[in-house]
Amino acid sequence: MITLTHYLILTGLLFAIGLVGVMRRTNLLMLFFSTEILLNAVNIGFVAVSKYYGDFTGQMFAFFIIAVAASEVAVGLGLLILWYKRNGSVDLNSLQMMKG
């Protein structure tokens, strides 16, 4: 039987994977993917605790996190496409060459 502890361990592992991905990536697209892993880990934790206590508050938070993540990806991918058209690369090191 799967308990709350199993879900929280999964949440911790996914969050650690996403955090390592955010800190180590130089590709902007992979940075977005790592951020999504972080947000989904938090969602799993919210939903698991919400189910455990029989309250819908965690599920509502997860719903709003999904909505914010979707808008973040839409704006981020738009900026990513613009950056790729200008520079031909999505490498984060090329962002240091930005001139205003």
N, C-alpha and C. Protein backbone atom coordinates (compact mmCIF):
# COMPACT_ATOMS: atom_id res chain seq x y z
N MET A 1 0.83 -1.18 0.00
CA MET A 1 0.00 0.00 0.00
C MET A 1 0.88 1.25 0.00
N ILE A 2 0.49 2.22 -0.79
CA ILE A 2 1.26 3.46 -0.89
C ILE A 2 0.74 4.44 0.16
N THR A 3 1.65 4.95 0.96
CA THR A 3 1.29 5.87 2.04
C THR A 3 1.76 7.29 1.72
N LEU A 4 1.47 8.19 2.63
CA LEU A 4 1.90 9.58 2.46
C LEU A 4 3.42 9.67 2.42
N THR A 5 4.09 8.84 3.18
CA THR A 5 5.56 8.86 3.21
C THR A 5 6.15 8.57 1.83
N HIS A 6 5.56 7.63 1.12
CA HIS A 6 6.04 7.31 -0.22
C HIS A 6 5.93 8.52 -1.15
N TYR A 7 4.79 9.20 -1.07
CA TYR A 7 4.60 10.39 -1.90
C TYR A 7 5.58 11.50 -1.53
N LEU A 8 5.81 11.69 -0.26
CA LEU A 8 6.74 12.75 0.17
C LEU A 8 8.18 12.42 -0.21
N ILE A 9 8.54 11.14 -0.19
CA ILE A 9 9.88 10.74 -0.65
C ILE A 9 10.01 11.01 -2.15
N LEU A 10 8.97 10.67 -2.91
CA LEU A 10 8.97 10.96 -4.35
C LEU A 10 9.07 12.46 -4.60
N THR A 11 8.34 13.23 -3.82
CA THR A 11 8.39 14.69 -3.94
C THR A 11 9.80 15.21 -3.67
N GLY A 12 10.43 14.71 -2.63
CA GLY A 12 11.80 15.14 -2.31
C GLY A 12 12.79 14.77 -3.40
N LEU A 13 12.67 13.57 -3.96
CA LEU A 13 13.57 13.15 -5.03
C LEU A 13 13.38 14.00 -6.28
N LEU A 14 12.13 14.22 -6.67
CA LEU A 14 11.88 15.05 -7.84
C LEU A 14 12.35 16.48 -7.64
N PHE A 15 12.14 17.01 -6.44
CA PHE A 15 12.59 18.37 -6.17
C PHE A 15 14.11 18.46 -6.23
N ALA A 16 14.80 17.45 -5.71
CA ALA A 16 16.26 17.45 -5.76
C ALA A 16 16.76 17.36 -7.20
N ILE A 17 16.11 16.53 -8.02
CA ILE A 17 16.49 16.42 -9.44
C ILE A 17 16.28 17.75 -10.14
N GLY A 18 15.14 18.40 -9.89
CA GLY A 18 14.87 19.69 -10.51
C GLY A 18 15.83 20.77 -10.04
N LEU A 19 16.19 20.75 -8.77
CA LEU A 19 17.11 21.74 -8.23
C LEU A 19 18.51 21.58 -8.83
N VAL A 20 18.96 20.35 -8.95
CA VAL A 20 20.26 20.10 -9.58
C VAL A 20 20.21 20.55 -11.04
N GLY A 21 19.10 20.28 -11.70
CA GLY A 21 18.96 20.71 -13.09
C GLY A 21 19.00 22.22 -13.24
N VAL A 22 18.36 22.94 -12.33
CA VAL A 22 18.37 24.40 -12.39
C VAL A 22 19.77 24.95 -12.16
N MET A 23 20.50 24.35 -11.24
CA MET A 23 21.83 24.87 -10.90
C MET A 23 22.89 24.50 -11.93
N ARG A 24 22.74 23.41 -12.64
CA ARG A 24 23.80 22.92 -13.51
C ARG A 24 23.61 23.18 -14.99
N ARG A 25 22.44 23.52 -15.42
CA ARG A 25 22.16 23.65 -16.85
C ARG A 25 22.66 24.98 -17.41
N THR A 26 23.14 24.91 -18.64
CA THR A 26 23.50 26.13 -19.36
C THR A 26 22.58 26.35 -20.55
N ASN A 27 21.77 25.37 -20.88
CA ASN A 27 20.81 25.49 -21.97
C ASN A 27 19.50 26.03 -21.39
N LEU A 28 18.98 27.07 -21.99
CA LEU A 28 17.79 27.73 -21.46
C LEU A 28 16.57 26.82 -21.52
N LEU A 29 16.45 25.99 -22.54
CA LEU A 29 15.32 25.09 -22.65
C LEU A 29 15.35 24.04 -21.54
N MET A 30 16.52 23.52 -21.23
CA MET A 30 16.64 22.55 -20.14
C MET A 30 16.38 23.21 -18.78
N LEU A 31 16.67 24.49 -18.68
CA LEU A 31 16.37 25.23 -17.46
C LEU A 31 14.85 25.30 -17.25
N PHE A 32 14.11 25.52 -18.33
CA PHE A 32 12.65 25.51 -18.23
C PHE A 32 12.13 24.14 -17.81
N PHE A 33 12.70 23.08 -18.38
CA PHE A 33 12.27 21.72 -18.01
C PHE A 33 12.55 21.44 -16.54
N SER A 34 13.69 21.87 -16.06
CA SER A 34 14.03 21.66 -14.65
C SER A 34 13.10 22.42 -13.73
N THR A 35 12.71 23.61 -14.14
CA THR A 35 11.75 24.39 -13.36
C THR A 35 10.40 23.69 -13.31
N GLU A 36 10.00 23.09 -14.42
CA GLU A 36 8.74 22.35 -14.44
C GLU A 36 8.81 21.14 -13.51
N ILE A 37 9.95 20.48 -13.45
CA ILE A 37 10.10 19.35 -12.53
C ILE A 37 9.96 19.82 -11.09
N LEU A 38 10.56 20.96 -10.78
CA LEU A 38 10.41 21.53 -9.43
C LEU A 38 8.95 21.80 -9.10
N LEU A 39 8.24 22.43 -9.99
CA LEU A 39 6.85 22.78 -9.74
C LEU A 39 5.97 21.53 -9.63
N ASN A 40 6.24 20.52 -10.46
CA ASN A 40 5.45 19.29 -10.38
C ASN A 40 5.74 18.52 -9.10
N ALA A 41 6.96 18.60 -8.61
CA ALA A 41 7.27 17.96 -7.32
C ALA A 41 6.46 18.60 -6.20
N VAL A 42 6.38 19.91 -6.21
CA VAL A 42 5.59 20.61 -5.19
C VAL A 42 4.11 20.26 -5.33
N ASN A 43 3.64 20.13 -6.57
CA ASN A 43 2.24 19.75 -6.79
C ASN A 43 1.94 18.37 -6.22
N ILE A 44 2.83 17.42 -6.43
CA ILE A 44 2.62 16.08 -5.89
C ILE A 44 2.55 16.14 -4.37
N GLY A 45 3.41 16.92 -3.76
CA GLY A 45 3.39 17.06 -2.31
C GLY A 45 2.10 17.67 -1.81
N PHE A 46 1.64 18.74 -2.47
CA PHE A 46 0.39 19.39 -2.07
C PHE A 46 -0.80 18.44 -2.18
N VAL A 47 -0.88 17.73 -3.29
CA VAL A 47 -2.02 16.84 -3.51
C VAL A 47 -1.98 15.66 -2.54
N ALA A 48 -0.79 15.12 -2.27
CA ALA A 48 -0.68 13.98 -1.35
C ALA A 48 -1.08 14.38 0.07
N VAL A 49 -0.60 15.52 0.53
CA VAL A 49 -0.97 15.98 1.88
C VAL A 49 -2.45 16.34 1.94
N SER A 50 -2.96 16.92 0.87
CA SER A 50 -4.38 17.25 0.82
C SER A 50 -5.24 15.99 0.89
N LYS A 51 -4.85 14.97 0.18
CA LYS A 51 -5.60 13.70 0.23
C LYS A 51 -5.49 13.06 1.61
N TYR A 52 -4.33 13.16 2.21
CA TYR A 52 -4.12 12.56 3.53
C TYR A 52 -5.01 13.20 4.59
N TYR A 53 -5.15 14.52 4.55
CA TYR A 53 -5.96 15.22 5.53
C TYR A 53 -7.43 15.36 5.12
N GLY A 54 -7.76 14.95 3.90
CA GLY A 54 -9.14 15.04 3.45
C GLY A 54 -9.60 16.45 3.19
N ASP A 55 -8.68 17.33 2.82
CA ASP A 55 -8.98 18.74 2.57
C ASP A 55 -8.61 19.06 1.12
N PHE A 56 -9.36 19.92 0.48
CA PHE A 56 -9.11 20.26 -0.92
C PHE A 56 -8.17 21.45 -1.10
N THR A 57 -7.66 22.00 -0.04
CA THR A 57 -6.81 23.20 -0.14
C THR A 57 -5.54 22.92 -0.93
N GLY A 58 -4.88 21.82 -0.66
CA GLY A 58 -3.66 21.47 -1.39
C GLY A 58 -3.92 21.25 -2.86
N GLN A 59 -5.06 20.67 -3.18
CA GLN A 59 -5.40 20.45 -4.58
C GLN A 59 -5.68 21.75 -5.29
N MET A 60 -6.26 22.71 -4.59
CA MET A 60 -6.50 24.03 -5.18
C MET A 60 -5.17 24.76 -5.44
N PHE A 61 -4.25 24.65 -4.47
CA PHE A 61 -2.93 25.25 -4.69
C PHE A 61 -2.25 24.62 -5.90
N ALA A 62 -2.36 23.30 -6.03
CA ALA A 62 -1.74 22.61 -7.16
C ALA A 62 -2.35 23.09 -8.47
N PHE A 63 -3.65 23.31 -8.48
CA PHE A 63 -4.31 23.81 -9.69
C PHE A 63 -3.76 25.18 -10.09
N PHE A 64 -3.60 26.07 -9.13
CA PHE A 64 -3.08 27.40 -9.44
C PHE A 64 -1.61 27.35 -9.83
N ILE A 65 -0.84 26.44 -9.25
CA ILE A 65 0.56 26.29 -9.65
C ILE A 65 0.65 25.82 -11.09
N ILE A 66 -0.23 24.91 -11.48
CA ILE A 66 -0.25 24.44 -12.87
C ILE A 66 -0.58 25.60 -13.82
N ALA A 67 -1.52 26.44 -13.43
CA ALA A 67 -1.89 27.58 -14.27
C ALA A 67 -0.74 28.57 -14.40
N VAL A 68 -0.05 28.85 -13.30
CA VAL A 68 1.10 29.76 -13.33
C VAL A 68 2.24 29.16 -14.15
N ALA A 69 2.45 27.85 -14.01
CA ALA A 69 3.52 27.19 -14.76
C ALA A 69 3.23 27.23 -16.26
N ALA A 70 1.97 27.06 -16.64
CA ALA A 70 1.62 27.11 -18.06
C ALA A 70 1.87 28.50 -18.64
N SER A 71 1.51 29.53 -17.90
CA SER A 71 1.75 30.88 -18.40
C SER A 71 3.24 31.20 -18.42
N GLU A 72 3.98 30.69 -17.45
CA GLU A 72 5.44 30.90 -17.43
C GLU A 72 6.10 30.25 -18.63
N VAL A 73 5.65 29.07 -18.99
CA VAL A 73 6.22 28.37 -20.14
C VAL A 73 5.86 29.10 -21.43
N ALA A 74 4.62 29.59 -21.53
CA ALA A 74 4.22 30.30 -22.75
C ALA A 74 5.06 31.56 -22.97
N VAL A 75 5.24 32.34 -21.92
CA VAL A 75 6.04 33.56 -22.04
C VAL A 75 7.51 33.21 -22.25
N GLY A 76 8.00 32.24 -21.48
CA GLY A 76 9.41 31.85 -21.58
C GLY A 76 9.77 31.29 -22.95
N LEU A 77 8.89 30.45 -23.52
CA LEU A 77 9.20 29.91 -24.84
C LEU A 77 9.14 30.98 -25.92
N GLY A 78 8.24 31.95 -25.75
CA GLY A 78 8.23 33.07 -26.69
C GLY A 78 9.53 33.85 -26.66
N LEU A 79 10.02 34.12 -25.46
CA LEU A 79 11.31 34.81 -25.33
C LEU A 79 12.46 33.96 -25.83
N LEU A 80 12.37 32.66 -25.60
CA LEU A 80 13.40 31.74 -26.06
C LEU A 80 13.48 31.71 -27.58
N ILE A 81 12.35 31.68 -28.25
CA ILE A 81 12.34 31.70 -29.71
C ILE A 81 12.92 33.00 -30.24
N LEU A 82 12.55 34.12 -29.62
CA LEU A 82 13.10 35.41 -30.02
C LEU A 82 14.61 35.45 -29.83
N TRP A 83 15.08 34.92 -28.69
CA TRP A 83 16.52 34.90 -28.42
C TRP A 83 17.25 34.01 -29.43
N TYR A 84 16.66 32.87 -29.78
CA TYR A 84 17.29 31.96 -30.73
C TYR A 84 17.36 32.60 -32.12
N LYS A 85 16.32 33.33 -32.52
CA LYS A 85 16.34 33.99 -33.83
C LYS A 85 17.41 35.08 -33.89
N ARG A 86 17.64 35.75 -32.77
CA ARG A 86 18.65 36.82 -32.75
C ARG A 86 20.07 36.28 -32.70
N ASN A 87 20.32 35.25 -31.89
CA ASN A 87 21.69 34.81 -31.63
C ASN A 87 22.02 33.44 -32.19
N GLY A 88 21.02 32.63 -32.55
CA GLY A 88 21.28 31.31 -33.08
C GLY A 88 21.68 30.29 -32.02
N SER A 89 21.47 30.61 -30.76
CA SER A 89 21.83 29.71 -29.68
C SER A 89 20.93 29.97 -28.48
N VAL A 90 20.70 28.92 -27.68
CA VAL A 90 19.93 29.09 -26.45
C VAL A 90 20.82 28.84 -25.25
N ASP A 91 22.11 29.03 -25.42
CA ASP A 91 23.08 28.85 -24.36
C ASP A 91 23.02 30.03 -23.40
N LEU A 92 22.99 29.74 -22.11
CA LEU A 92 22.91 30.81 -21.11
C LEU A 92 24.16 31.68 -21.07
N ASN A 93 25.29 31.13 -21.48
CA ASN A 93 26.51 31.92 -21.48
C ASN A 93 26.45 33.05 -22.51
N SER A 94 25.62 32.88 -23.56
CA SER A 94 25.49 33.95 -24.55
C SER A 94 24.65 35.11 -24.01
N LEU A 95 23.96 34.92 -22.92
CA LEU A 95 23.17 36.01 -22.33
C LEU A 95 24.08 37.08 -21.72
N GLN A 96 25.32 36.75 -21.45
CA GLN A 96 26.24 37.73 -20.89
C GLN A 96 26.61 38.80 -21.92
N MET A 97 26.36 38.52 -23.20
CA MET A 97 26.70 39.47 -24.26
C MET A 97 25.57 40.47 -24.50
N MET A 98 24.52 40.45 -23.71
CA MET A 98 23.40 41.34 -23.92
C MET A 98 23.82 42.80 -23.80
N LYS A 99 23.36 43.58 -24.72
CA LYS A 99 23.66 45.02 -24.71
C LYS A 99 22.34 45.76 -24.81
N GLY A 100 22.18 46.81 -24.01
CA GLY A 100 20.93 47.54 -23.98
C GLY A 100 20.88 48.74 -24.82
